[in-house]
């Protein structure tokens, strides 16, 4: 997650995950019965990983790419 994409000013996935985990900690400590979190797919993986208390060191193993069963893939 520390990979540098080579784009000046861009944050790494690790930096983004740390930022999301901190935001989720703040959100989950609020005394609200219901809350909505709106994000896009790129951040959703870290939001869910934080919500289920996945250690941030393991979050790099989570992927937003959906699983496609072999039987549903087109034949070659």
N, C-alpha and C. Protein backbone atom coordinates (compact mmCIF):
# COMPACT_ATOMS: atom_id res chain seq x y z
N UNK A 1 0.81 -1.20 0.00
CA UNK A 1 0.00 0.00 0.00
C UNK A 1 0.85 1.26 0.00
N UNK A 2 2.14 1.10 0.14
CA UNK A 2 3.04 2.25 0.15
C UNK A 2 3.55 2.60 -1.25
N UNK A 3 3.04 1.93 -2.28
CA UNK A 3 3.51 2.15 -3.64
C UNK A 3 3.28 3.60 -4.06
N UNK A 4 4.30 4.22 -4.61
CA UNK A 4 4.22 5.59 -5.10
C UNK A 4 3.90 5.55 -6.58
N UNK A 5 2.75 6.08 -6.96
CA UNK A 5 2.31 6.06 -8.36
C UNK A 5 3.14 6.98 -9.25
N UNK A 6 3.96 7.82 -8.64
CA UNK A 6 4.79 8.73 -9.43
C UNK A 6 4.08 10.02 -9.80
N UNK A 7 2.90 10.25 -9.24
CA UNK A 7 2.16 11.48 -9.51
C UNK A 7 2.43 12.44 -8.36
N UNK A 8 3.01 13.58 -8.69
CA UNK A 8 3.37 14.55 -7.66
C UNK A 8 2.15 14.97 -6.86
N UNK A 9 2.25 14.88 -5.54
CA UNK A 9 1.17 15.30 -4.66
C UNK A 9 0.13 14.22 -4.38
N UNK A 10 0.20 13.10 -5.10
CA UNK A 10 -0.78 12.02 -4.87
C UNK A 10 -0.43 11.27 -3.60
N UNK A 11 -1.46 10.84 -2.85
CA UNK A 11 -1.19 10.07 -1.65
C UNK A 11 -1.16 8.59 -1.96
N UNK A 12 -0.43 7.84 -1.16
CA UNK A 12 -0.38 6.39 -1.34
C UNK A 12 -1.67 5.78 -0.80
N UNK A 13 -1.90 4.51 -1.15
CA UNK A 13 -3.07 3.82 -0.61
C UNK A 13 -2.98 3.73 0.91
N UNK A 14 -1.77 3.58 1.43
CA UNK A 14 -1.58 3.50 2.89
C UNK A 14 -1.98 4.82 3.55
N UNK A 15 -1.55 5.93 2.99
CA UNK A 15 -1.90 7.24 3.56
C UNK A 15 -3.41 7.45 3.50
N UNK A 16 -4.01 7.05 2.40
CA UNK A 16 -5.46 7.16 2.25
C UNK A 16 -6.17 6.29 3.28
N UNK A 17 -5.70 5.05 3.46
CA UNK A 17 -6.31 4.14 4.42
C UNK A 17 -6.20 4.70 5.84
N UNK A 18 -5.07 5.27 6.19
CA UNK A 18 -4.91 5.87 7.53
C UNK A 18 -5.91 7.02 7.72
N UNK A 19 -6.09 7.82 6.68
CA UNK A 19 -7.03 8.94 6.76
C UNK A 19 -8.47 8.44 6.92
N UNK A 20 -8.82 7.38 6.18
CA UNK A 20 -10.17 6.83 6.26
C UNK A 20 -10.40 6.16 7.62
N UNK A 21 -9.42 5.41 8.10
CA UNK A 21 -9.56 4.75 9.41
C UNK A 21 -9.79 5.81 10.50
N UNK A 22 -9.05 6.91 10.44
CA UNK A 22 -9.23 7.98 11.44
C UNK A 22 -10.63 8.58 11.35
N UNK A 23 -11.10 8.82 10.12
CA UNK A 23 -12.44 9.38 9.94
C UNK A 23 -13.50 8.40 10.43
N UNK A 24 -13.31 7.11 10.14
CA UNK A 24 -14.27 6.11 10.60
C UNK A 24 -14.29 6.00 12.12
N UNK A 25 -13.15 6.13 12.76
CA UNK A 25 -13.11 6.12 14.22
C UNK A 25 -13.98 7.26 14.77
N UNK A 26 -13.84 8.45 14.17
CA UNK A 26 -14.66 9.60 14.60
C UNK A 26 -16.14 9.34 14.37
N UNK A 27 -16.47 8.83 13.19
CA UNK A 27 -17.88 8.59 12.84
C UNK A 27 -18.50 7.55 13.77
N UNK A 28 -17.79 6.44 14.02
CA UNK A 28 -18.35 5.36 14.82
C UNK A 28 -18.47 5.70 16.30
N UNK A 29 -17.80 6.74 16.75
CA UNK A 29 -17.90 7.15 18.15
C UNK A 29 -19.07 8.11 18.39
N UNK A 30 -19.71 8.55 17.34
CA UNK A 30 -20.85 9.47 17.50
C UNK A 30 -22.05 8.73 18.08
N UNK A 31 -22.81 9.39 18.94
CA UNK A 31 -23.96 8.74 19.57
C UNK A 31 -25.21 8.76 18.68
N UNK A 32 -25.08 8.29 17.46
CA UNK A 32 -26.21 8.27 16.53
C UNK A 32 -26.67 6.83 16.31
N UNK A 33 -27.96 6.65 16.23
CA UNK A 33 -28.50 5.31 15.97
C UNK A 33 -28.23 4.88 14.53
N UNK A 34 -28.28 5.83 13.60
CA UNK A 34 -28.09 5.53 12.18
C UNK A 34 -27.21 6.61 11.56
N UNK A 35 -26.31 6.18 10.70
CA UNK A 35 -25.45 7.11 9.99
C UNK A 35 -25.28 6.62 8.56
N UNK A 36 -25.08 7.54 7.65
CA UNK A 36 -24.81 7.18 6.25
C UNK A 36 -23.43 7.67 5.88
N UNK A 37 -22.69 6.84 5.20
CA UNK A 37 -21.37 7.22 4.72
C UNK A 37 -21.42 7.11 3.20
N UNK A 38 -21.11 8.19 2.53
CA UNK A 38 -21.16 8.23 1.08
C UNK A 38 -19.73 8.36 0.56
N UNK A 39 -19.37 7.46 -0.35
CA UNK A 39 -18.02 7.46 -0.90
C UNK A 39 -18.07 6.80 -2.27
N UNK A 40 -16.93 6.69 -2.92
CA UNK A 40 -16.87 5.96 -4.18
C UNK A 40 -16.09 4.67 -3.96
N UNK A 41 -16.11 3.80 -4.93
CA UNK A 41 -15.53 2.48 -4.80
C UNK A 41 -14.08 2.45 -4.38
N UNK A 42 -13.30 3.43 -4.80
CA UNK A 42 -11.89 3.45 -4.44
C UNK A 42 -11.66 3.53 -2.95
N UNK A 43 -12.54 4.20 -2.24
CA UNK A 43 -12.42 4.34 -0.79
C UNK A 43 -13.28 3.34 -0.03
N UNK A 44 -14.26 2.76 -0.67
CA UNK A 44 -15.20 1.89 0.01
C UNK A 44 -14.52 0.70 0.69
N UNK A 45 -13.50 0.15 0.05
CA UNK A 45 -12.78 -0.98 0.64
C UNK A 45 -12.21 -0.62 2.00
N UNK A 46 -11.59 0.55 2.11
CA UNK A 46 -11.03 0.98 3.39
C UNK A 46 -12.12 1.31 4.40
N UNK A 47 -13.24 1.84 3.95
CA UNK A 47 -14.36 2.13 4.85
C UNK A 47 -14.86 0.83 5.48
N UNK A 48 -15.09 -0.18 4.67
CA UNK A 48 -15.59 -1.46 5.18
C UNK A 48 -14.52 -2.13 6.05
N UNK A 49 -13.27 -2.11 5.61
CA UNK A 49 -12.18 -2.72 6.40
C UNK A 49 -12.11 -2.08 7.78
N UNK A 50 -12.25 -0.78 7.86
CA UNK A 50 -12.23 -0.09 9.14
C UNK A 50 -13.44 -0.45 9.98
N UNK A 51 -14.61 -0.50 9.34
CA UNK A 51 -15.86 -0.79 10.03
C UNK A 51 -15.84 -2.18 10.67
N UNK A 52 -15.25 -3.17 9.99
CA UNK A 52 -15.19 -4.51 10.56
C UNK A 52 -13.95 -4.71 11.43
N UNK A 53 -13.24 -3.62 11.67
CA UNK A 53 -12.06 -3.62 12.54
C UNK A 53 -10.92 -4.48 12.01
N UNK A 54 -10.79 -4.53 10.67
CA UNK A 54 -9.65 -5.21 10.07
C UNK A 54 -8.40 -4.39 10.39
N UNK A 55 -7.35 -5.03 10.87
CA UNK A 55 -6.13 -4.26 11.15
C UNK A 55 -5.65 -3.56 9.87
N UNK A 56 -5.23 -2.33 10.01
CA UNK A 56 -4.82 -1.57 8.83
C UNK A 56 -3.65 -2.24 8.11
N UNK A 57 -2.84 -3.00 8.85
CA UNK A 57 -1.72 -3.70 8.23
C UNK A 57 -2.21 -4.78 7.27
N UNK A 58 -3.44 -5.25 7.45
CA UNK A 58 -4.02 -6.30 6.59
C UNK A 58 -4.91 -5.73 5.50
N UNK A 59 -5.22 -4.46 5.57
CA UNK A 59 -6.17 -3.85 4.63
C UNK A 59 -5.71 -3.92 3.18
N UNK A 60 -4.42 -4.01 2.96
CA UNK A 60 -3.91 -4.12 1.59
C UNK A 60 -4.31 -5.41 0.90
N UNK A 61 -4.72 -6.42 1.68
CA UNK A 61 -5.16 -7.68 1.11
C UNK A 61 -6.60 -7.62 0.63
N UNK A 62 -7.34 -6.64 1.09
CA UNK A 62 -8.73 -6.47 0.65
C UNK A 62 -8.72 -5.85 -0.74
N UNK A 63 -9.68 -6.22 -1.53
CA UNK A 63 -9.72 -5.71 -2.90
C UNK A 63 -11.14 -5.32 -3.24
N UNK A 64 -11.28 -4.23 -3.97
CA UNK A 64 -12.61 -3.82 -4.41
C UNK A 64 -13.03 -4.54 -5.68
N UNK A 65 -12.11 -5.29 -6.29
CA UNK A 65 -12.43 -6.01 -7.51
C UNK A 65 -13.39 -7.16 -7.17
N UNK A 66 -14.55 -7.20 -7.79
CA UNK A 66 -15.51 -8.25 -7.46
C UNK A 66 -15.03 -9.61 -7.94
N UNK A 67 -15.42 -10.64 -7.22
CA UNK A 67 -15.09 -12.01 -7.59
C UNK A 67 -15.99 -12.44 -8.73
N UNK A 68 -15.41 -13.00 -9.77
CA UNK A 68 -16.17 -13.53 -10.89
C UNK A 68 -15.96 -15.04 -10.94
N UNK A 69 -17.00 -15.82 -10.65
CA UNK A 69 -16.85 -17.27 -10.69
C UNK A 69 -16.39 -17.74 -12.06
N UNK A 70 -15.56 -18.78 -12.11
CA UNK A 70 -15.03 -19.26 -13.40
C UNK A 70 -16.12 -19.64 -14.39
N UNK A 71 -17.26 -20.17 -13.90
CA UNK A 71 -18.32 -20.59 -14.82
C UNK A 71 -19.05 -19.42 -15.46
N UNK A 72 -18.88 -18.20 -14.94
CA UNK A 72 -19.57 -17.05 -15.53
C UNK A 72 -18.67 -16.28 -16.50
N UNK A 73 -17.43 -16.71 -16.63
CA UNK A 73 -16.51 -16.03 -17.55
C UNK A 73 -16.71 -16.55 -18.96
N UNK A 74 -16.54 -15.67 -19.96
CA UNK A 74 -16.74 -16.11 -21.34
C UNK A 74 -15.69 -17.16 -21.74
N UNK A 75 -16.11 -18.07 -22.58
CA UNK A 75 -15.18 -19.10 -23.08
C UNK A 75 -14.29 -18.50 -24.15
N UNK A 76 -13.10 -19.04 -24.23
CA UNK A 76 -12.13 -18.54 -25.24
C UNK A 76 -12.10 -19.45 -26.42
